[in-house]
N, C-alpha and C. Protein backbone atom coordinates (compact mmCIF):
# COMPACT_ATOMS: atom_id res chain seq x y z
N THR A 1 2.30 -3.40 13.00
CA THR A 1 3.57 -3.17 12.32
C THR A 1 3.45 -3.57 10.85
N ILE A 2 4.44 -3.12 10.05
CA ILE A 2 4.43 -3.42 8.62
C ILE A 2 5.20 -4.71 8.37
N ASP A 3 4.57 -5.65 7.71
CA ASP A 3 5.22 -6.89 7.33
C ASP A 3 5.68 -6.77 5.89
N PHE A 4 6.99 -6.46 5.69
CA PHE A 4 7.50 -6.22 4.35
C PHE A 4 7.58 -7.50 3.54
N ALA A 5 7.43 -8.66 4.21
CA ALA A 5 7.42 -9.93 3.49
C ALA A 5 6.03 -10.29 3.00
N ASN A 6 5.04 -9.46 3.32
CA ASN A 6 3.66 -9.71 2.92
C ASN A 6 3.52 -9.46 1.42
N VAL A 7 3.18 -10.51 0.68
CA VAL A 7 3.08 -10.40 -0.77
C VAL A 7 1.94 -9.45 -1.16
N GLU A 8 0.82 -9.53 -0.45
CA GLU A 8 -0.31 -8.65 -0.77
C GLU A 8 0.07 -7.19 -0.57
N LEU A 9 0.85 -6.90 0.47
CA LEU A 9 1.29 -5.52 0.70
C LEU A 9 2.22 -5.06 -0.40
N GLN A 10 3.11 -5.93 -0.86
CA GLN A 10 4.00 -5.58 -1.95
C GLN A 10 3.22 -5.31 -3.23
N GLN A 11 2.23 -6.16 -3.52
CA GLN A 11 1.43 -5.96 -4.72
C GLN A 11 0.66 -4.65 -4.65
N TYR A 12 0.14 -4.34 -3.46
CA TYR A 12 -0.60 -3.08 -3.29
C TYR A 12 0.31 -1.88 -3.51
N ALA A 13 1.53 -1.92 -2.93
CA ALA A 13 2.46 -0.80 -3.06
C ALA A 13 2.88 -0.60 -4.50
N ILE A 14 3.17 -1.69 -5.21
CA ILE A 14 3.58 -1.59 -6.61
C ILE A 14 2.44 -1.06 -7.48
N SER A 15 1.23 -1.57 -7.24
CA SER A 15 0.07 -1.11 -8.02
C SER A 15 -0.20 0.36 -7.76
N ALA A 16 -0.13 0.78 -6.50
CA ALA A 16 -0.36 2.19 -6.16
C ALA A 16 0.68 3.08 -6.83
N ALA A 17 1.95 2.64 -6.85
CA ALA A 17 3.00 3.43 -7.48
C ALA A 17 2.77 3.56 -8.98
N LEU A 18 2.39 2.46 -9.63
CA LEU A 18 2.17 2.51 -11.08
C LEU A 18 0.97 3.37 -11.44
N ILE A 19 -0.12 3.24 -10.68
CA ILE A 19 -1.32 4.05 -10.96
C ILE A 19 -1.02 5.53 -10.75
N THR A 20 -0.34 5.85 -9.66
CA THR A 20 0.02 7.25 -9.40
C THR A 20 0.92 7.80 -10.49
N SER A 21 1.89 7.00 -10.93
CA SER A 21 2.78 7.45 -12.01
C SER A 21 2.00 7.71 -13.29
N GLY A 22 1.04 6.84 -13.60
CA GLY A 22 0.22 7.04 -14.80
C GLY A 22 -0.62 8.30 -14.73
N LEU A 23 -1.25 8.55 -13.58
CA LEU A 23 -2.07 9.75 -13.42
C LEU A 23 -1.21 11.02 -13.50
N CYS A 24 -0.04 10.99 -12.86
CA CYS A 24 0.84 12.17 -12.92
C CYS A 24 1.34 12.42 -14.33
N THR A 25 1.56 11.35 -15.09
CA THR A 25 1.98 11.50 -16.48
C THR A 25 0.89 12.17 -17.31
N LEU A 26 -0.36 11.77 -17.10
CA LEU A 26 -1.48 12.38 -17.83
C LEU A 26 -1.62 13.85 -17.47
N VAL A 27 -1.47 14.17 -16.18
CA VAL A 27 -1.56 15.57 -15.76
C VAL A 27 -0.44 16.39 -16.38
N ASN A 28 0.75 15.82 -16.43
CA ASN A 28 1.90 16.53 -17.00
C ASN A 28 1.73 16.76 -18.50
N LEU A 29 1.06 15.84 -19.16
CA LEU A 29 0.83 15.99 -20.60
C LEU A 29 -0.28 17.00 -20.91
N ALA A 30 -1.20 17.18 -19.96
CA ALA A 30 -2.40 17.99 -20.23
C ALA A 30 -2.08 19.45 -20.48
N HIS A 31 -1.17 20.05 -19.66
CA HIS A 31 -0.82 21.47 -19.80
C HIS A 31 -2.05 22.35 -19.63
N TRP A 32 -2.70 22.23 -18.46
CA TRP A 32 -3.90 23.01 -18.17
C TRP A 32 -3.52 24.40 -17.65
N GLU A 33 -4.20 25.40 -18.15
CA GLU A 33 -3.97 26.76 -17.67
C GLU A 33 -4.71 26.98 -16.35
N ILE A 34 -4.04 27.57 -15.39
CA ILE A 34 -4.65 27.85 -14.09
C ILE A 34 -5.53 29.09 -14.23
N PRO A 35 -6.82 29.01 -13.89
CA PRO A 35 -7.71 30.17 -14.02
C PRO A 35 -7.22 31.36 -13.18
N LEU A 36 -7.37 32.56 -13.74
CA LEU A 36 -7.03 33.82 -13.08
C LEU A 36 -5.53 33.97 -12.80
N SER A 37 -4.70 33.09 -13.33
CA SER A 37 -3.26 33.21 -13.06
C SER A 37 -2.68 34.48 -13.69
N LYS A 38 -3.23 34.91 -14.82
CA LYS A 38 -2.75 36.11 -15.49
C LYS A 38 -2.98 37.34 -14.62
N LYS A 39 -4.15 37.41 -13.98
CA LYS A 39 -4.48 38.57 -13.16
C LYS A 39 -3.72 38.54 -11.84
N LEU A 40 -3.56 37.37 -11.26
CA LEU A 40 -2.94 37.27 -9.94
C LEU A 40 -1.42 37.36 -9.99
N PHE A 41 -0.80 36.76 -10.98
CA PHE A 41 0.66 36.68 -11.03
C PHE A 41 1.27 37.43 -12.20
N GLY A 42 0.43 37.99 -13.06
CA GLY A 42 0.96 38.75 -14.19
C GLY A 42 1.42 37.89 -15.35
N LYS A 43 1.22 36.61 -15.28
CA LYS A 43 1.58 35.72 -16.38
C LYS A 43 0.72 34.47 -16.29
N ARG A 44 0.58 33.79 -17.41
CA ARG A 44 -0.21 32.57 -17.44
C ARG A 44 0.60 31.42 -16.82
N LEU A 45 -0.04 30.74 -15.89
CA LEU A 45 0.59 29.58 -15.26
C LEU A 45 -0.17 28.32 -15.66
N TYR A 46 0.55 27.24 -15.78
CA TYR A 46 -0.04 25.99 -16.25
C TYR A 46 0.28 24.85 -15.29
N ILE A 47 -0.62 23.88 -15.27
CA ILE A 47 -0.37 22.63 -14.57
C ILE A 47 0.05 21.60 -15.61
N GLY A 48 1.27 21.14 -15.51
CA GLY A 48 1.81 20.23 -16.51
C GLY A 48 2.64 20.96 -17.54
N SER A 49 3.65 20.30 -18.05
CA SER A 49 4.56 20.92 -19.01
C SER A 49 4.06 20.83 -20.44
N GLY A 50 3.14 19.89 -20.72
CA GLY A 50 2.69 19.69 -22.08
C GLY A 50 3.67 18.89 -22.91
N LEU A 51 4.73 18.38 -22.29
CA LEU A 51 5.74 17.59 -22.99
C LEU A 51 5.56 16.11 -22.68
N LEU A 52 5.98 15.28 -23.60
CA LEU A 52 5.89 13.84 -23.41
C LEU A 52 7.01 13.40 -22.46
N SER A 53 6.72 13.36 -21.19
CA SER A 53 7.68 12.92 -20.19
C SER A 53 6.95 12.02 -19.20
N VAL A 54 7.46 10.83 -19.04
CA VAL A 54 6.83 9.84 -18.18
C VAL A 54 7.23 10.09 -16.73
N MET A 55 6.25 10.26 -15.88
CA MET A 55 6.50 10.43 -14.45
C MET A 55 6.57 9.06 -13.79
N GLY A 56 7.56 8.86 -12.96
CA GLY A 56 7.73 7.56 -12.32
C GLY A 56 8.22 7.69 -10.90
N THR A 57 8.31 6.57 -10.23
CA THR A 57 8.79 6.56 -8.85
C THR A 57 10.31 6.52 -8.82
N SER A 58 10.87 6.73 -7.67
CA SER A 58 12.31 6.69 -7.48
C SER A 58 12.62 5.91 -6.20
N PHE A 59 13.81 5.33 -6.15
CA PHE A 59 14.22 4.59 -4.96
C PHE A 59 15.14 5.42 -4.08
N THR A 60 15.44 6.66 -4.46
CA THR A 60 16.41 7.45 -3.71
C THR A 60 15.90 7.84 -2.33
N PHE A 61 14.58 7.85 -2.14
CA PHE A 61 14.03 8.24 -0.84
C PHE A 61 14.03 7.08 0.16
N LEU A 62 14.26 5.86 -0.31
CA LEU A 62 14.14 4.69 0.56
C LEU A 62 15.08 4.72 1.77
N PRO A 63 16.38 5.08 1.61
CA PRO A 63 17.23 5.13 2.81
C PRO A 63 16.72 6.10 3.87
N ILE A 64 16.21 7.26 3.43
CA ILE A 64 15.69 8.25 4.38
C ILE A 64 14.45 7.70 5.06
N PHE A 65 13.55 7.12 4.27
CA PHE A 65 12.35 6.52 4.85
C PHE A 65 12.71 5.43 5.85
N GLU A 66 13.68 4.61 5.49
CA GLU A 66 14.05 3.48 6.34
C GLU A 66 14.56 3.96 7.69
N ILE A 67 15.42 4.98 7.66
CA ILE A 67 15.99 5.49 8.91
C ILE A 67 14.92 6.17 9.75
N ALA A 68 14.10 7.02 9.10
CA ALA A 68 13.08 7.77 9.84
C ALA A 68 12.03 6.84 10.44
N ILE A 69 11.56 5.87 9.66
CA ILE A 69 10.56 4.94 10.17
C ILE A 69 11.14 4.09 11.29
N GLY A 70 12.41 3.69 11.14
CA GLY A 70 13.06 2.93 12.21
C GLY A 70 13.16 3.71 13.50
N GLN A 71 13.49 4.99 13.41
CA GLN A 71 13.58 5.83 14.60
C GLN A 71 12.21 6.00 15.27
N MET A 72 11.18 6.19 14.45
CA MET A 72 9.84 6.34 15.02
C MET A 72 9.36 5.04 15.66
N MET A 73 9.69 3.91 15.05
CA MET A 73 9.30 2.63 15.64
C MET A 73 10.05 2.37 16.95
N ASP A 74 11.29 2.89 17.06
CA ASP A 74 12.02 2.78 18.32
C ASP A 74 11.35 3.58 19.42
N ASN A 75 10.59 4.60 19.02
CA ASN A 75 9.84 5.42 19.99
C ASN A 75 8.41 4.93 20.17
N ASP A 76 8.20 3.63 19.89
CA ASP A 76 6.91 2.97 20.11
C ASP A 76 5.80 3.51 19.20
N ILE A 77 6.16 3.97 18.03
CA ILE A 77 5.18 4.39 17.04
C ILE A 77 4.97 3.23 16.07
N ASP A 78 3.72 2.89 15.82
CA ASP A 78 3.40 1.77 14.94
C ASP A 78 3.99 2.01 13.55
N GLY A 79 4.45 0.93 12.90
CA GLY A 79 5.08 1.04 11.60
C GLY A 79 4.17 1.66 10.55
N THR A 80 2.89 1.29 10.56
CA THR A 80 1.94 1.86 9.60
C THR A 80 1.76 3.35 9.82
N VAL A 81 1.68 3.77 11.08
CA VAL A 81 1.56 5.20 11.40
C VAL A 81 2.81 5.95 10.98
N ALA A 82 3.97 5.35 11.24
CA ALA A 82 5.23 5.99 10.86
C ALA A 82 5.33 6.16 9.35
N TYR A 83 4.89 5.14 8.61
CA TYR A 83 4.89 5.23 7.16
C TYR A 83 3.96 6.34 6.68
N GLY A 84 2.80 6.44 7.31
CA GLY A 84 1.87 7.51 6.96
C GLY A 84 2.44 8.89 7.25
N LYS A 85 3.18 9.02 8.35
CA LYS A 85 3.81 10.30 8.67
C LYS A 85 4.82 10.69 7.59
N MET A 86 5.57 9.71 7.09
CA MET A 86 6.55 10.02 6.05
C MET A 86 5.87 10.41 4.73
N LEU A 87 4.74 9.76 4.42
CA LEU A 87 3.99 10.16 3.23
C LEU A 87 3.46 11.58 3.38
N GLY A 88 2.98 11.92 4.57
CA GLY A 88 2.51 13.28 4.82
C GLY A 88 3.63 14.30 4.70
N THR A 89 4.82 13.94 5.18
CA THR A 89 5.98 14.83 5.05
C THR A 89 6.32 15.06 3.59
N SER A 90 6.23 14.01 2.79
CA SER A 90 6.51 14.14 1.36
C SER A 90 5.52 15.06 0.68
N MET A 91 4.25 14.98 1.10
CA MET A 91 3.23 15.85 0.52
C MET A 91 3.50 17.31 0.87
N VAL A 92 3.93 17.56 2.10
CA VAL A 92 4.25 18.94 2.50
C VAL A 92 5.45 19.46 1.71
N CYS A 93 6.46 18.59 1.51
CA CYS A 93 7.62 19.00 0.72
C CYS A 93 7.25 19.30 -0.72
N ALA A 94 6.23 18.61 -1.24
CA ALA A 94 5.79 18.88 -2.61
C ALA A 94 5.24 20.30 -2.75
N ILE A 95 4.64 20.82 -1.67
CA ILE A 95 4.14 22.20 -1.71
C ILE A 95 5.28 23.17 -1.89
N LEU A 96 6.44 22.87 -1.30
CA LEU A 96 7.61 23.74 -1.47
C LEU A 96 8.01 23.82 -2.93
N GLU A 97 7.95 22.69 -3.64
CA GLU A 97 8.28 22.70 -5.06
C GLU A 97 7.27 23.53 -5.85
N LEU A 98 6.01 23.45 -5.46
CA LEU A 98 5.00 24.27 -6.13
C LEU A 98 5.28 25.76 -5.92
N CYS A 99 5.71 26.12 -4.72
CA CYS A 99 6.04 27.53 -4.45
C CYS A 99 7.22 27.98 -5.30
N PHE A 100 8.21 27.11 -5.47
CA PHE A 100 9.36 27.45 -6.30
C PHE A 100 8.95 27.70 -7.75
N SER A 101 7.93 26.98 -8.22
CA SER A 101 7.50 27.14 -9.61
C SER A 101 6.88 28.51 -9.86
N LEU A 102 6.45 29.18 -8.81
CA LEU A 102 5.85 30.51 -8.95
C LEU A 102 6.87 31.63 -8.88
N VAL A 103 8.09 31.32 -8.48
CA VAL A 103 9.14 32.34 -8.36
C VAL A 103 9.66 32.69 -9.76
N PRO A 104 9.80 33.98 -10.07
CA PRO A 104 10.32 34.38 -11.39
C PRO A 104 11.70 33.79 -11.65
N GLY A 105 11.99 33.58 -12.92
CA GLY A 105 13.24 32.94 -13.29
C GLY A 105 14.48 33.70 -12.86
N LYS A 106 14.42 35.03 -12.86
CA LYS A 106 15.62 35.81 -12.51
C LYS A 106 16.02 35.60 -11.05
N PHE A 107 15.02 35.42 -10.17
CA PHE A 107 15.33 35.16 -8.77
C PHE A 107 15.87 33.74 -8.58
N ILE A 108 15.34 32.79 -9.37
CA ILE A 108 15.85 31.42 -9.30
C ILE A 108 17.31 31.38 -9.74
N ASN A 109 17.65 32.15 -10.78
CA ASN A 109 19.04 32.18 -11.26
C ASN A 109 19.97 32.80 -10.22
N ARG A 110 19.46 33.74 -9.43
CA ARG A 110 20.29 34.32 -8.38
C ARG A 110 20.52 33.33 -7.24
N MET A 111 19.48 32.57 -6.88
CA MET A 111 19.62 31.61 -5.79
C MET A 111 20.44 30.39 -6.22
N PHE A 112 20.26 29.99 -7.49
CA PHE A 112 20.96 28.82 -8.01
C PHE A 112 21.67 29.22 -9.31
N PRO A 113 22.82 29.87 -9.21
CA PRO A 113 23.54 30.29 -10.42
C PRO A 113 23.98 29.09 -11.24
N PRO A 114 24.27 29.29 -12.53
CA PRO A 114 24.65 28.17 -13.41
C PRO A 114 25.85 27.38 -12.90
N VAL A 115 26.81 28.06 -12.25
CA VAL A 115 27.99 27.35 -11.76
C VAL A 115 27.59 26.33 -10.71
N VAL A 116 26.72 26.73 -9.78
CA VAL A 116 26.29 25.83 -8.71
C VAL A 116 25.50 24.65 -9.30
N CYS A 117 24.59 24.95 -10.22
CA CYS A 117 23.78 23.88 -10.83
C CYS A 117 24.65 22.91 -11.62
N ALA A 118 25.63 23.45 -12.37
CA ALA A 118 26.49 22.59 -13.18
C ALA A 118 27.32 21.66 -12.31
N VAL A 119 27.89 22.20 -11.23
CA VAL A 119 28.70 21.37 -10.34
C VAL A 119 27.84 20.31 -9.67
N THR A 120 26.64 20.69 -9.25
CA THR A 120 25.75 19.74 -8.58
C THR A 120 25.37 18.59 -9.50
N VAL A 121 24.95 18.93 -10.73
CA VAL A 121 24.55 17.89 -11.68
C VAL A 121 25.74 16.99 -12.03
N THR A 122 26.93 17.59 -12.17
CA THR A 122 28.12 16.80 -12.47
C THR A 122 28.44 15.83 -11.34
N LEU A 123 28.33 16.28 -10.09
CA LEU A 123 28.61 15.42 -8.95
C LEU A 123 27.59 14.29 -8.84
N ILE A 124 26.34 14.59 -9.19
CA ILE A 124 25.33 13.53 -9.19
C ILE A 124 25.70 12.45 -10.20
N GLY A 125 26.11 12.89 -11.38
CA GLY A 125 26.51 11.92 -12.40
C GLY A 125 27.71 11.10 -11.98
N VAL A 126 28.70 11.76 -11.34
CA VAL A 126 29.88 11.04 -10.87
C VAL A 126 29.50 10.03 -9.80
N ALA A 127 28.60 10.44 -8.88
CA ALA A 127 28.18 9.53 -7.80
C ALA A 127 27.44 8.32 -8.34
N LEU A 128 26.72 8.49 -9.45
CA LEU A 128 25.94 7.39 -10.02
C LEU A 128 26.75 6.51 -10.96
N THR A 129 28.01 6.87 -11.21
CA THR A 129 28.83 6.07 -12.11
C THR A 129 29.01 4.66 -11.59
N GLY A 130 29.28 4.53 -10.28
CA GLY A 130 29.45 3.20 -9.69
C GLY A 130 28.19 2.36 -9.81
N THR A 131 27.04 2.99 -9.58
CA THR A 131 25.77 2.27 -9.70
C THR A 131 25.55 1.81 -11.14
N GLY A 132 25.87 2.69 -12.09
CA GLY A 132 25.72 2.32 -13.50
C GLY A 132 26.60 1.15 -13.89
N MET A 133 27.84 1.13 -13.38
CA MET A 133 28.73 0.02 -13.69
C MET A 133 28.22 -1.28 -13.09
N LYS A 134 27.61 -1.20 -11.90
CA LYS A 134 27.05 -2.41 -11.29
C LYS A 134 25.87 -2.93 -12.11
N TYR A 135 25.02 -2.02 -12.58
CA TYR A 135 23.93 -2.43 -13.45
C TYR A 135 24.47 -3.05 -14.73
N TRP A 136 25.55 -2.49 -15.24
CA TRP A 136 26.16 -2.99 -16.47
C TRP A 136 26.61 -4.44 -16.29
N GLY A 137 27.12 -4.76 -15.12
CA GLY A 137 27.62 -6.11 -14.87
C GLY A 137 26.55 -7.14 -14.56
N GLY A 138 25.32 -6.68 -14.31
CA GLY A 138 24.25 -7.63 -14.03
C GLY A 138 23.25 -7.18 -13.00
N GLY A 139 23.55 -6.10 -12.25
CA GLY A 139 22.60 -5.61 -11.26
C GLY A 139 23.31 -5.10 -10.02
N VAL A 140 22.71 -4.09 -9.39
CA VAL A 140 23.32 -3.49 -8.20
C VAL A 140 23.36 -4.48 -7.05
N VAL A 141 22.23 -5.12 -6.78
CA VAL A 141 22.17 -6.07 -5.66
C VAL A 141 23.15 -7.20 -5.88
N CYS A 142 23.21 -7.69 -7.09
CA CYS A 142 24.14 -8.78 -7.41
C CYS A 142 25.58 -8.34 -7.21
N GLY A 143 25.90 -7.11 -7.65
CA GLY A 143 27.24 -6.60 -7.48
C GLY A 143 27.62 -6.40 -6.03
N ASP A 144 26.67 -5.92 -5.22
CA ASP A 144 26.95 -5.70 -3.80
C ASP A 144 27.09 -7.01 -3.04
N MET A 145 26.47 -8.08 -3.52
CA MET A 145 26.52 -9.35 -2.81
C MET A 145 27.81 -10.11 -3.07
N ILE A 146 28.58 -9.70 -4.09
CA ILE A 146 29.78 -10.46 -4.44
C ILE A 146 30.77 -10.51 -3.29
N TRP A 147 30.96 -9.37 -2.61
CA TRP A 147 31.99 -9.33 -1.58
C TRP A 147 31.67 -10.30 -0.44
N LYS A 148 30.41 -10.63 -0.25
CA LYS A 148 30.04 -11.56 0.81
C LYS A 148 30.43 -12.99 0.45
N GLU A 149 30.65 -13.27 -0.84
CA GLU A 149 31.01 -14.60 -1.27
C GLU A 149 32.51 -14.75 -1.50
N HIS A 150 33.27 -13.70 -1.25
CA HIS A 150 34.69 -13.74 -1.54
C HIS A 150 35.47 -14.23 -0.33
N SER A 151 36.42 -15.09 -0.54
CA SER A 151 37.17 -15.70 0.55
C SER A 151 38.01 -14.69 1.32
N GLN A 152 38.38 -13.58 0.69
CA GLN A 152 39.23 -12.61 1.35
C GLN A 152 38.52 -11.87 2.48
N VAL A 153 37.18 -11.84 2.46
CA VAL A 153 36.45 -11.10 3.48
C VAL A 153 35.59 -12.01 4.33
N VAL A 154 35.72 -13.30 4.19
CA VAL A 154 34.85 -14.21 4.92
C VAL A 154 35.04 -14.07 6.42
N ASP A 155 36.28 -13.85 6.86
CA ASP A 155 36.53 -13.71 8.29
C ASP A 155 36.01 -12.38 8.83
N LEU A 156 35.97 -11.36 7.97
CA LEU A 156 35.50 -10.05 8.41
C LEU A 156 34.00 -10.03 8.64
N VAL A 157 33.24 -10.71 7.81
CA VAL A 157 31.79 -10.71 7.95
C VAL A 157 31.30 -11.81 8.88
N GLY A 158 32.21 -12.71 9.30
CA GLY A 158 31.83 -13.70 10.29
C GLY A 158 31.14 -14.92 9.76
N PHE A 159 31.31 -15.24 8.47
CA PHE A 159 30.68 -16.44 7.92
C PHE A 159 31.44 -17.69 8.36
N ASP A 160 30.74 -18.75 8.60
CA ASP A 160 31.33 -20.04 8.92
C ASP A 160 31.56 -20.80 7.61
N ARG A 161 32.80 -21.16 7.33
CA ARG A 161 33.10 -21.82 6.06
C ARG A 161 32.35 -23.13 5.90
N GLU A 162 32.10 -23.85 7.01
CA GLU A 162 31.41 -25.12 6.90
C GLU A 162 29.93 -24.92 6.61
N VAL A 163 29.35 -23.87 7.21
CA VAL A 163 27.92 -23.62 7.00
C VAL A 163 27.69 -22.83 5.72
N TYR A 164 28.55 -21.83 5.47
CA TYR A 164 28.43 -20.98 4.29
C TYR A 164 29.69 -21.13 3.44
N PRO A 165 29.73 -22.06 2.52
CA PRO A 165 30.92 -22.23 1.69
C PRO A 165 31.16 -20.99 0.83
N VAL A 166 32.40 -20.55 0.80
CA VAL A 166 32.76 -19.33 0.09
C VAL A 166 33.77 -19.67 -0.99
N SER A 167 33.51 -19.21 -2.21
CA SER A 167 34.41 -19.49 -3.33
C SER A 167 35.59 -18.53 -3.29
N ALA A 168 36.66 -18.91 -3.97
CA ALA A 168 37.86 -18.08 -4.00
C ALA A 168 37.68 -16.87 -4.91
N LEU A 169 36.82 -16.97 -5.89
CA LEU A 169 36.59 -15.88 -6.83
C LEU A 169 35.12 -15.47 -6.80
N PRO A 170 34.84 -14.18 -7.06
CA PRO A 170 33.44 -13.75 -7.10
C PRO A 170 32.65 -14.52 -8.15
N SER A 171 31.49 -15.01 -7.78
CA SER A 171 30.70 -15.80 -8.74
C SER A 171 29.22 -15.67 -8.46
N ALA A 172 28.79 -14.46 -8.04
CA ALA A 172 27.38 -14.26 -7.74
C ALA A 172 26.54 -14.44 -9.00
N ILE A 173 25.42 -15.12 -8.86
CA ILE A 173 24.52 -15.34 -9.98
C ILE A 173 23.45 -14.26 -9.97
N CYS A 174 23.34 -13.52 -11.07
CA CYS A 174 22.37 -12.43 -11.19
C CYS A 174 21.12 -12.96 -11.88
N GLU A 175 19.99 -12.80 -11.23
CA GLU A 175 18.72 -13.23 -11.80
C GLU A 175 17.98 -12.02 -12.34
N ASN A 176 17.79 -11.96 -13.65
CA ASN A 176 17.03 -10.90 -14.31
C ASN A 176 15.93 -11.57 -15.12
N GLY A 177 14.76 -11.71 -14.49
CA GLY A 177 13.68 -12.44 -15.13
C GLY A 177 14.02 -13.92 -15.20
N LYS A 178 14.01 -14.47 -16.41
CA LYS A 178 14.35 -15.88 -16.60
C LYS A 178 15.84 -16.08 -16.88
N VAL A 179 16.57 -14.98 -16.95
CA VAL A 179 18.00 -15.07 -17.25
C VAL A 179 18.79 -15.16 -15.95
N LYS A 180 19.65 -16.17 -15.85
CA LYS A 180 20.50 -16.36 -14.67
C LYS A 180 21.94 -16.53 -15.16
N LEU A 181 22.74 -15.48 -14.97
CA LEU A 181 24.12 -15.50 -15.42
C LEU A 181 25.02 -14.94 -14.32
N PRO A 182 26.29 -15.33 -14.30
CA PRO A 182 27.22 -14.78 -13.29
C PRO A 182 27.41 -13.28 -13.49
N TYR A 183 27.66 -12.60 -12.39
CA TYR A 183 27.89 -11.15 -12.47
C TYR A 183 29.12 -10.87 -13.34
N GLY A 184 28.98 -9.89 -14.24
CA GLY A 184 30.07 -9.52 -15.12
C GLY A 184 30.25 -10.43 -16.31
N SER A 185 29.25 -11.25 -16.60
CA SER A 185 29.36 -12.17 -17.74
C SER A 185 29.36 -11.39 -19.05
N ALA A 186 29.86 -12.03 -20.09
CA ALA A 186 29.98 -11.36 -21.39
C ALA A 186 28.63 -10.92 -21.92
N GLU A 187 27.58 -11.69 -21.63
CA GLU A 187 26.24 -11.33 -22.13
C GLU A 187 25.78 -10.00 -21.54
N TYR A 188 25.99 -9.82 -20.22
CA TYR A 188 25.57 -8.57 -19.58
C TYR A 188 26.42 -7.40 -20.09
N VAL A 189 27.72 -7.58 -20.15
CA VAL A 189 28.61 -6.51 -20.61
C VAL A 189 28.31 -6.15 -22.06
N GLY A 190 28.10 -7.17 -22.89
CA GLY A 190 27.78 -6.90 -24.29
C GLY A 190 26.46 -6.18 -24.47
N LEU A 191 25.45 -6.55 -23.67
CA LEU A 191 24.16 -5.87 -23.74
C LEU A 191 24.29 -4.42 -23.33
N GLY A 192 25.04 -4.16 -22.26
CA GLY A 192 25.24 -2.79 -21.82
C GLY A 192 25.98 -1.96 -22.85
N PHE A 193 26.99 -2.56 -23.48
CA PHE A 193 27.76 -1.84 -24.52
C PHE A 193 26.88 -1.56 -25.73
N ALA A 194 26.00 -2.50 -26.08
CA ALA A 194 25.10 -2.28 -27.21
C ALA A 194 24.13 -1.13 -26.93
N VAL A 195 23.62 -1.07 -25.71
CA VAL A 195 22.72 0.04 -25.33
C VAL A 195 23.46 1.37 -25.40
N LEU A 196 24.71 1.39 -24.91
CA LEU A 196 25.50 2.61 -24.95
C LEU A 196 25.72 3.08 -26.39
N CYS A 197 26.07 2.16 -27.26
CA CYS A 197 26.27 2.51 -28.68
C CYS A 197 24.98 3.02 -29.32
N PHE A 198 23.85 2.41 -28.94
CA PHE A 198 22.57 2.83 -29.49
C PHE A 198 22.22 4.25 -29.04
N LEU A 199 22.49 4.57 -27.77
CA LEU A 199 22.22 5.92 -27.27
C LEU A 199 23.11 6.96 -27.96
N VAL A 200 24.37 6.61 -28.16
CA VAL A 200 25.28 7.53 -28.87
C VAL A 200 24.81 7.74 -30.31
N LEU A 201 24.33 6.66 -30.95
CA LEU A 201 23.83 6.77 -32.32
C LEU A 201 22.61 7.69 -32.40
N ILE A 202 21.71 7.57 -31.41
CA ILE A 202 20.53 8.43 -31.39
C ILE A 202 20.93 9.90 -31.23
N GLU A 203 21.93 10.17 -30.37
CA GLU A 203 22.38 11.54 -30.18
C GLU A 203 22.99 12.10 -31.45
N LEU A 204 23.72 11.27 -32.20
CA LEU A 204 24.35 11.74 -33.43
C LEU A 204 23.32 12.03 -34.52
N LEU A 205 22.22 11.25 -34.52
CA LEU A 205 21.19 11.45 -35.53
C LEU A 205 20.31 12.64 -35.17
């Protein structure tokens, strides 16, 4: 089984993610022409966009991985094997994206008209607004943990007041490196506002 508390495993996963992100970034910058693409597809195809864009990992797949691996482990499949199956599934899904890149633009516009794309992107932004506000206050995990420390919900979550003292007001401490401040402190809000102003200034320039 997978021991997620294993420090060596965590270091390996983080290192693998960073190395893979670096290699993918280099490939994306290279803009290599695929041999014989002109003859086979009628146009030149390239590997990589040739633009300065950093490729990185995402955490959005974690809930799906967690549920799928949990279900496979319930069926007596080893955690390491289940994790490998999910990585293999991701690789197969990547082939689908490669196939989409070969489809002419006019067919893509028919399948995904501008109205559909605009609504989808807008809904993604709206859904991420709450997450952004939590980061603004000090961090998502810190923001989600506040309700567990609030006296109004102590009976709902089943905490024992004698064993787990609960304050009357939210006071979760957010740890960001060496900085330890309460969630929603002026320092966090001010830093977020400064970043927002800086981004707006860059757009205006």
